[in-house]
Amino acid sequence: SPSPAQVRLRHLALGTLEFHDQGRVTTMVITAEMFRGTGPGPIDTEGFSDIPIAIQGVQASALLQAIPDCGYITVSMRSRDCVDVCAVARAFGGGGHRKASGAMLPGPFATAQQRVLQALQTALDSYNSGNL
């Protein structure tokens, strides 16, 4: 069962969910302020990145999460068959699996989010152009 702090943080994170590229790509963020506002201590965010990819029509998603007090942001990406998020993660020095991967990027959030979003959209466009 999730803790009350996890539920509060999930609620805050869902409030940041944005749809891009006609709903095919999503981004969601968890800032350091969101962590601080939900209670003391670290909060387990396991499973948070799986929420957006479960939405109908979403083909790729990214959860960007602050690493408090270090200026870096972790990104957890998920996809359906149409995007190899491991290839996207490798471009940022990360890795993982075809449908679930991650990386670490320098802040600020807006810059990191834009970089990841562009990479996901490029990968999706490349897949779609190859399957026309």
N, C-alpha and C. Protein backbone atom coordinates (compact mmCIF):
# COMPACT_ATOMS: atom_id res chain seq x y z
N SER A 1 0.84 -1.20 0.00
CA SER A 1 0.00 0.00 0.00
C SER A 1 0.87 1.25 0.00
N PRO A 2 0.48 2.25 -0.75
CA PRO A 2 1.26 3.49 -0.76
C PRO A 2 1.08 4.26 0.55
N SER A 3 2.12 4.97 0.93
CA SER A 3 2.04 5.82 2.11
C SER A 3 1.26 7.08 1.77
N PRO A 4 0.76 7.80 2.79
CA PRO A 4 0.10 9.08 2.50
C PRO A 4 1.01 10.05 1.73
N ALA A 5 2.30 10.06 2.04
CA ALA A 5 3.24 10.94 1.33
C ALA A 5 3.34 10.55 -0.14
N GLN A 6 3.36 9.25 -0.44
CA GLN A 6 3.40 8.81 -1.84
C GLN A 6 2.15 9.24 -2.59
N VAL A 7 1.01 9.13 -1.94
CA VAL A 7 -0.25 9.52 -2.58
C VAL A 7 -0.26 11.02 -2.85
N ARG A 8 0.20 11.82 -1.89
CA ARG A 8 0.27 13.27 -2.09
C ARG A 8 1.22 13.62 -3.23
N LEU A 9 2.38 12.96 -3.26
CA LEU A 9 3.35 13.24 -4.31
C LEU A 9 2.81 12.81 -5.67
N ARG A 10 2.15 11.67 -5.73
CA ARG A 10 1.57 11.22 -7.00
C ARG A 10 0.53 12.22 -7.50
N HIS A 11 -0.28 12.74 -6.58
CA HIS A 11 -1.28 13.76 -6.94
C HIS A 11 -0.60 15.00 -7.52
N LEU A 12 0.46 15.47 -6.87
CA LEU A 12 1.18 16.65 -7.36
C LEU A 12 1.81 16.37 -8.73
N ALA A 13 2.40 15.19 -8.88
CA ALA A 13 3.05 14.84 -10.15
C ALA A 13 2.02 14.78 -11.28
N LEU A 14 0.87 14.18 -11.02
CA LEU A 14 -0.17 14.10 -12.05
C LEU A 14 -0.64 15.48 -12.48
N GLY A 15 -0.55 16.44 -11.58
CA GLY A 15 -0.91 17.81 -11.92
C GLY A 15 0.02 18.45 -12.93
N THR A 16 1.20 17.86 -13.13
CA THR A 16 2.17 18.38 -14.10
C THR A 16 2.12 17.65 -15.43
N LEU A 17 1.29 16.62 -15.53
CA LEU A 17 1.22 15.81 -16.75
C LEU A 17 0.85 16.68 -17.95
N GLU A 18 1.69 16.63 -18.98
CA GLU A 18 1.44 17.38 -20.21
C GLU A 18 1.44 16.42 -21.39
N PHE A 19 0.52 16.67 -22.31
CA PHE A 19 0.43 15.89 -23.54
C PHE A 19 1.05 16.70 -24.67
N HIS A 20 1.84 16.03 -25.49
CA HIS A 20 2.53 16.66 -26.62
C HIS A 20 2.28 15.82 -27.86
N ASP A 21 2.54 16.41 -29.01
CA ASP A 21 2.52 15.68 -30.28
C ASP A 21 1.18 14.95 -30.47
N GLN A 22 0.09 15.69 -30.36
CA GLN A 22 -1.27 15.16 -30.50
C GLN A 22 -1.55 14.02 -29.52
N GLY A 23 -0.99 14.12 -28.31
CA GLY A 23 -1.25 13.13 -27.27
C GLY A 23 -0.42 11.88 -27.36
N ARG A 24 0.54 11.83 -28.29
CA ARG A 24 1.36 10.63 -28.43
C ARG A 24 2.52 10.57 -27.44
N VAL A 25 2.90 11.73 -26.90
CA VAL A 25 4.04 11.82 -25.97
C VAL A 25 3.58 12.59 -24.74
N THR A 26 4.00 12.13 -23.56
CA THR A 26 3.69 12.86 -22.33
C THR A 26 4.96 13.14 -21.55
N THR A 27 4.89 14.21 -20.75
CA THR A 27 5.93 14.48 -19.77
C THR A 27 5.25 14.74 -18.43
N MET A 28 5.94 14.38 -17.37
CA MET A 28 5.46 14.62 -16.01
C MET A 28 6.70 14.93 -15.18
N VAL A 29 6.59 15.83 -14.21
CA VAL A 29 7.76 16.21 -13.42
C VAL A 29 7.50 16.09 -11.93
N ILE A 30 8.58 15.84 -11.20
CA ILE A 30 8.57 15.87 -9.74
C ILE A 30 9.74 16.76 -9.33
N THR A 31 9.43 17.92 -8.79
CA THR A 31 10.45 18.88 -8.39
C THR A 31 10.90 18.63 -6.95
N ALA A 32 12.01 19.24 -6.60
CA ALA A 32 12.48 19.15 -5.21
C ALA A 32 11.46 19.76 -4.27
N GLU A 33 10.80 20.83 -4.69
CA GLU A 33 9.77 21.47 -3.85
C GLU A 33 8.60 20.53 -3.61
N MET A 34 8.26 19.72 -4.61
CA MET A 34 7.18 18.76 -4.45
C MET A 34 7.56 17.70 -3.40
N PHE A 35 8.81 17.25 -3.43
CA PHE A 35 9.27 16.30 -2.42
C PHE A 35 9.17 16.93 -1.03
N ARG A 36 9.68 18.16 -0.90
CA ARG A 36 9.68 18.83 0.41
C ARG A 36 8.25 19.06 0.91
N GLY A 37 7.32 19.31 0.00
CA GLY A 37 5.96 19.62 0.40
C GLY A 37 5.11 18.43 0.79
N THR A 38 5.64 17.23 0.60
CA THR A 38 4.84 16.04 0.91
C THR A 38 5.24 15.35 2.19
N GLY A 39 6.25 15.85 2.86
CA GLY A 39 6.63 15.27 4.15
C GLY A 39 8.11 15.02 4.24
N PRO A 40 8.55 14.65 5.45
CA PRO A 40 9.98 14.44 5.68
C PRO A 40 10.46 13.13 5.06
N GLY A 41 11.73 13.10 4.74
CA GLY A 41 12.36 11.88 4.26
C GLY A 41 12.13 11.60 2.79
N PRO A 42 12.91 10.66 2.26
CA PRO A 42 12.75 10.30 0.85
C PRO A 42 11.43 9.58 0.61
N ILE A 43 10.87 9.77 -0.57
CA ILE A 43 9.61 9.13 -0.93
C ILE A 43 9.86 8.25 -2.13
N ASP A 44 9.42 7.02 -2.04
CA ASP A 44 9.58 6.06 -3.12
C ASP A 44 8.65 6.44 -4.27
N THR A 45 9.22 6.64 -5.46
CA THR A 45 8.42 7.01 -6.63
C THR A 45 8.30 5.83 -7.61
N GLU A 46 8.60 4.65 -7.13
CA GLU A 46 8.48 3.44 -7.96
C GLU A 46 7.07 3.36 -8.55
N GLY A 47 7.00 3.14 -9.83
CA GLY A 47 5.71 3.01 -10.50
C GLY A 47 5.13 4.31 -11.05
N PHE A 48 5.65 5.45 -10.61
CA PHE A 48 5.11 6.72 -11.09
C PHE A 48 5.27 6.85 -12.62
N SER A 49 6.39 6.38 -13.14
CA SER A 49 6.64 6.54 -14.58
C SER A 49 5.78 5.62 -15.43
N ASP A 50 5.13 4.63 -14.81
CA ASP A 50 4.26 3.73 -15.56
C ASP A 50 2.87 4.31 -15.78
N ILE A 51 2.50 5.34 -15.04
CA ILE A 51 1.15 5.90 -15.14
C ILE A 51 0.88 6.50 -16.52
N PRO A 52 1.70 7.42 -17.04
CA PRO A 52 1.38 8.05 -18.33
C PRO A 52 1.35 7.10 -19.52
N ILE A 53 2.24 6.10 -19.53
CA ILE A 53 2.29 5.21 -20.69
C ILE A 53 1.05 4.34 -20.76
N ALA A 54 0.31 4.22 -19.68
CA ALA A 54 -0.92 3.42 -19.66
C ALA A 54 -2.11 4.19 -20.25
N ILE A 55 -1.94 5.47 -20.52
CA ILE A 55 -3.03 6.29 -21.06
C ILE A 55 -3.24 5.97 -22.53
N GLN A 56 -4.46 5.83 -22.92
CA GLN A 56 -4.81 5.51 -24.30
C GLN A 56 -4.19 6.53 -25.27
N GLY A 57 -3.53 6.04 -26.30
CA GLY A 57 -2.94 6.89 -27.33
C GLY A 57 -1.52 7.34 -27.06
N VAL A 58 -1.05 7.21 -25.82
CA VAL A 58 0.31 7.62 -25.49
C VAL A 58 1.28 6.54 -25.96
N GLN A 59 2.29 6.95 -26.72
CA GLN A 59 3.26 6.01 -27.27
C GLN A 59 4.62 6.11 -26.60
N ALA A 60 4.91 7.25 -25.95
CA ALA A 60 6.17 7.43 -25.23
C ALA A 60 5.94 8.44 -24.13
N SER A 61 6.61 8.22 -22.99
CA SER A 61 6.44 9.14 -21.87
C SER A 61 7.76 9.31 -21.12
N ALA A 62 7.86 10.43 -20.43
CA ALA A 62 9.05 10.70 -19.63
C ALA A 62 8.63 11.31 -18.30
N LEU A 63 9.18 10.77 -17.22
CA LEU A 63 9.02 11.33 -15.89
C LEU A 63 10.36 11.94 -15.52
N LEU A 64 10.37 13.26 -15.30
CA LEU A 64 11.58 13.96 -14.89
C LEU A 64 11.49 14.24 -13.40
N GLN A 65 12.54 13.86 -12.68
CA GLN A 65 12.50 13.94 -11.23
C GLN A 65 13.77 14.60 -10.70
N ALA A 66 13.60 15.58 -9.84
CA ALA A 66 14.74 16.28 -9.26
C ALA A 66 15.51 15.36 -8.32
N ILE A 67 16.81 15.53 -8.34
CA ILE A 67 17.65 14.92 -7.31
C ILE A 67 17.97 16.07 -6.37
N PRO A 68 17.33 16.11 -5.20
CA PRO A 68 17.49 17.26 -4.31
C PRO A 68 18.95 17.62 -4.03
N ASP A 69 19.21 18.90 -4.06
CA ASP A 69 20.50 19.48 -3.68
C ASP A 69 21.68 19.09 -4.58
N CYS A 70 21.42 18.65 -5.82
CA CYS A 70 22.58 18.36 -6.68
C CYS A 70 22.46 18.99 -8.06
N GLY A 71 21.29 19.50 -8.44
CA GLY A 71 21.15 20.17 -9.72
C GLY A 71 20.92 19.25 -10.90
N TYR A 72 20.83 17.96 -10.64
CA TYR A 72 20.59 17.02 -11.72
C TYR A 72 19.16 16.50 -11.67
N ILE A 73 18.71 15.99 -12.80
CA ILE A 73 17.36 15.49 -12.95
C ILE A 73 17.45 14.09 -13.54
N THR A 74 16.75 13.15 -12.91
CA THR A 74 16.66 11.83 -13.51
C THR A 74 15.45 11.81 -14.43
N VAL A 75 15.58 11.08 -15.51
CA VAL A 75 14.45 10.92 -16.42
C VAL A 75 14.20 9.43 -16.59
N SER A 76 12.96 9.04 -16.35
CA SER A 76 12.52 7.66 -16.56
C SER A 76 11.58 7.66 -17.75
N MET A 77 11.94 6.93 -18.78
CA MET A 77 11.14 6.91 -20.00
C MET A 77 10.49 5.55 -20.19
N ARG A 78 9.29 5.59 -20.72
CA ARG A 78 8.54 4.38 -21.05
C ARG A 78 8.02 4.51 -22.47
N SER A 79 7.82 3.37 -23.12
CA SER A 79 7.28 3.41 -24.49
C SER A 79 6.48 2.17 -24.78
N ARG A 80 5.76 2.28 -25.87
CA ARG A 80 5.13 1.11 -26.47
C ARG A 80 6.12 0.61 -27.53
N ASP A 81 5.71 -0.22 -28.42
CA ASP A 81 6.64 -0.81 -29.40
C ASP A 81 7.25 0.20 -30.36
N CYS A 82 6.65 1.37 -30.48
CA CYS A 82 7.06 2.29 -31.55
C CYS A 82 8.29 3.13 -31.23
N VAL A 83 8.75 3.18 -30.01
CA VAL A 83 9.92 3.99 -29.67
C VAL A 83 10.87 3.16 -28.82
N ASP A 84 12.14 3.14 -29.20
CA ASP A 84 13.18 2.48 -28.41
C ASP A 84 13.74 3.52 -27.44
N VAL A 85 13.18 3.56 -26.22
CA VAL A 85 13.63 4.58 -25.27
C VAL A 85 15.04 4.30 -24.75
N CYS A 86 15.52 3.08 -24.93
CA CYS A 86 16.91 2.81 -24.55
C CYS A 86 17.86 3.60 -25.45
N ALA A 87 17.55 3.68 -26.73
CA ALA A 87 18.38 4.48 -27.64
C ALA A 87 18.33 5.95 -27.27
N VAL A 88 17.16 6.43 -26.87
CA VAL A 88 17.03 7.82 -26.43
C VAL A 88 17.85 8.04 -25.16
N ALA A 89 17.73 7.12 -24.20
CA ALA A 89 18.47 7.24 -22.94
C ALA A 89 19.98 7.21 -23.18
N ARG A 90 20.43 6.35 -24.09
CA ARG A 90 21.87 6.27 -24.39
C ARG A 90 22.40 7.60 -24.92
N ALA A 91 21.57 8.33 -25.66
CA ALA A 91 22.00 9.64 -26.18
C ALA A 91 22.27 10.62 -25.05
N PHE A 92 21.70 10.36 -23.87
CA PHE A 92 21.92 11.21 -22.69
C PHE A 92 22.85 10.55 -21.67
N GLY A 93 23.52 9.47 -22.08
CA GLY A 93 24.46 8.79 -21.19
C GLY A 93 23.81 7.77 -20.27
N GLY A 94 22.56 7.42 -20.54
CA GLY A 94 21.84 6.45 -19.72
C GLY A 94 21.71 5.12 -20.44
N GLY A 95 20.67 4.38 -20.06
CA GLY A 95 20.45 3.09 -20.68
C GLY A 95 19.22 2.42 -20.12
N GLY A 96 19.12 1.13 -20.39
CA GLY A 96 17.98 0.37 -19.90
C GLY A 96 17.51 -0.63 -20.93
N HIS A 97 16.20 -0.64 -21.13
CA HIS A 97 15.56 -1.57 -22.05
C HIS A 97 14.79 -0.80 -23.11
N ARG A 98 14.38 -1.50 -24.14
CA ARG A 98 13.67 -0.87 -25.26
C ARG A 98 12.42 -0.11 -24.80
N LYS A 99 11.68 -0.65 -23.83
CA LYS A 99 10.43 -0.04 -23.40
C LYS A 99 10.52 0.67 -22.06
N ALA A 100 11.66 0.59 -21.38
CA ALA A 100 11.82 1.24 -20.08
C ALA A 100 13.29 1.57 -19.86
N SER A 101 13.60 2.86 -19.84
CA SER A 101 15.00 3.29 -19.72
C SER A 101 15.08 4.59 -18.95
N GLY A 102 16.30 4.97 -18.62
CA GLY A 102 16.49 6.20 -17.88
C GLY A 102 17.85 6.81 -18.10
N ALA A 103 17.96 8.05 -17.65
CA ALA A 103 19.21 8.80 -17.77
C ALA A 103 19.21 9.90 -16.73
N MET A 104 20.32 10.60 -16.62
CA MET A 104 20.45 11.74 -15.73
C MET A 104 20.91 12.93 -16.55
N LEU A 105 20.21 14.06 -16.39
CA LEU A 105 20.53 15.26 -17.15
C LEU A 105 20.76 16.42 -16.19
N PRO A 106 21.59 17.39 -16.60
CA PRO A 106 21.73 18.59 -15.79
C PRO A 106 20.45 19.43 -15.90
N GLY A 107 20.18 20.23 -14.84
CA GLY A 107 19.03 21.14 -14.87
C GLY A 107 19.35 22.33 -15.72
N PRO A 108 18.47 23.28 -15.80
CA PRO A 108 17.18 23.36 -15.09
C PRO A 108 16.12 22.45 -15.72
N PHE A 109 15.03 22.30 -14.99
CA PHE A 109 13.95 21.42 -15.43
C PHE A 109 13.48 21.72 -16.84
N ALA A 110 13.20 22.98 -17.13
CA ALA A 110 12.63 23.34 -18.44
C ALA A 110 13.55 22.90 -19.57
N THR A 111 14.85 23.07 -19.40
CA THR A 111 15.81 22.68 -20.44
C THR A 111 15.85 21.16 -20.58
N ALA A 112 15.94 20.46 -19.46
CA ALA A 112 15.98 19.00 -19.50
C ALA A 112 14.70 18.45 -20.12
N GLN A 113 13.56 19.00 -19.73
CA GLN A 113 12.29 18.53 -20.26
C GLN A 113 12.22 18.74 -21.77
N GLN A 114 12.66 19.89 -22.25
CA GLN A 114 12.63 20.17 -23.68
C GLN A 114 13.55 19.24 -24.45
N ARG A 115 14.74 18.97 -23.91
CA ARG A 115 15.68 18.07 -24.58
C ARG A 115 15.11 16.66 -24.70
N VAL A 116 14.52 16.16 -23.62
CA VAL A 116 13.96 14.81 -23.62
C VAL A 116 12.75 14.75 -24.55
N LEU A 117 11.90 15.75 -24.48
CA LEU A 117 10.71 15.79 -25.33
C LEU A 117 11.11 15.77 -26.81
N GLN A 118 12.08 16.58 -27.19
CA GLN A 118 12.53 16.62 -28.58
C GLN A 118 13.09 15.26 -29.01
N ALA A 119 13.85 14.63 -28.13
CA ALA A 119 14.44 13.32 -28.47
C ALA A 119 13.35 12.26 -28.64
N LEU A 120 12.35 12.28 -27.77
CA LEU A 120 11.26 11.31 -27.90
C LEU A 120 10.45 11.55 -29.17
N GLN A 121 10.17 12.82 -29.47
CA GLN A 121 9.41 13.13 -30.67
C GLN A 121 10.19 12.75 -31.93
N THR A 122 11.49 12.98 -31.94
CA THR A 122 12.33 12.61 -33.07
C THR A 122 12.32 11.09 -33.27
N ALA A 123 12.44 10.34 -32.17
CA ALA A 123 12.42 8.88 -32.25
C ALA A 123 11.07 8.38 -32.76
N LEU A 124 10.00 8.99 -32.30
CA LEU A 124 8.66 8.60 -32.73
C LEU A 124 8.45 8.94 -34.21
N ASP A 125 8.87 10.14 -34.62
CA ASP A 125 8.75 10.52 -36.03
C ASP A 125 9.57 9.60 -36.93
N SER A 126 10.76 9.22 -36.47
CA SER A 126 11.62 8.32 -37.24
C SER A 126 10.95 6.96 -37.40
N TYR A 127 10.36 6.45 -36.34
CA TYR A 127 9.66 5.17 -36.41
C TYR A 127 8.49 5.27 -37.38
N ASN A 128 7.70 6.33 -37.26
CA ASN A 128 6.51 6.48 -38.11
C ASN A 128 6.88 6.64 -39.57
N SER A 129 7.96 7.38 -39.88
CA SER A 129 8.35 7.57 -41.27
C SER A 129 8.88 6.28 -41.87
N GLY A 130 9.44 5.42 -41.04
CA GLY A 130 9.95 4.13 -41.52
C GLY A 130 8.87 3.09 -41.68
N ASN A 131 7.67 3.36 -41.17
CA ASN A 131 6.58 2.39 -41.23
C ASN A 131 5.38 2.90 -42.02
N LEU A 132 5.62 3.83 -42.92
CA LEU A 132 4.53 4.33 -43.75
C LEU A 132 4.31 3.46 -44.97
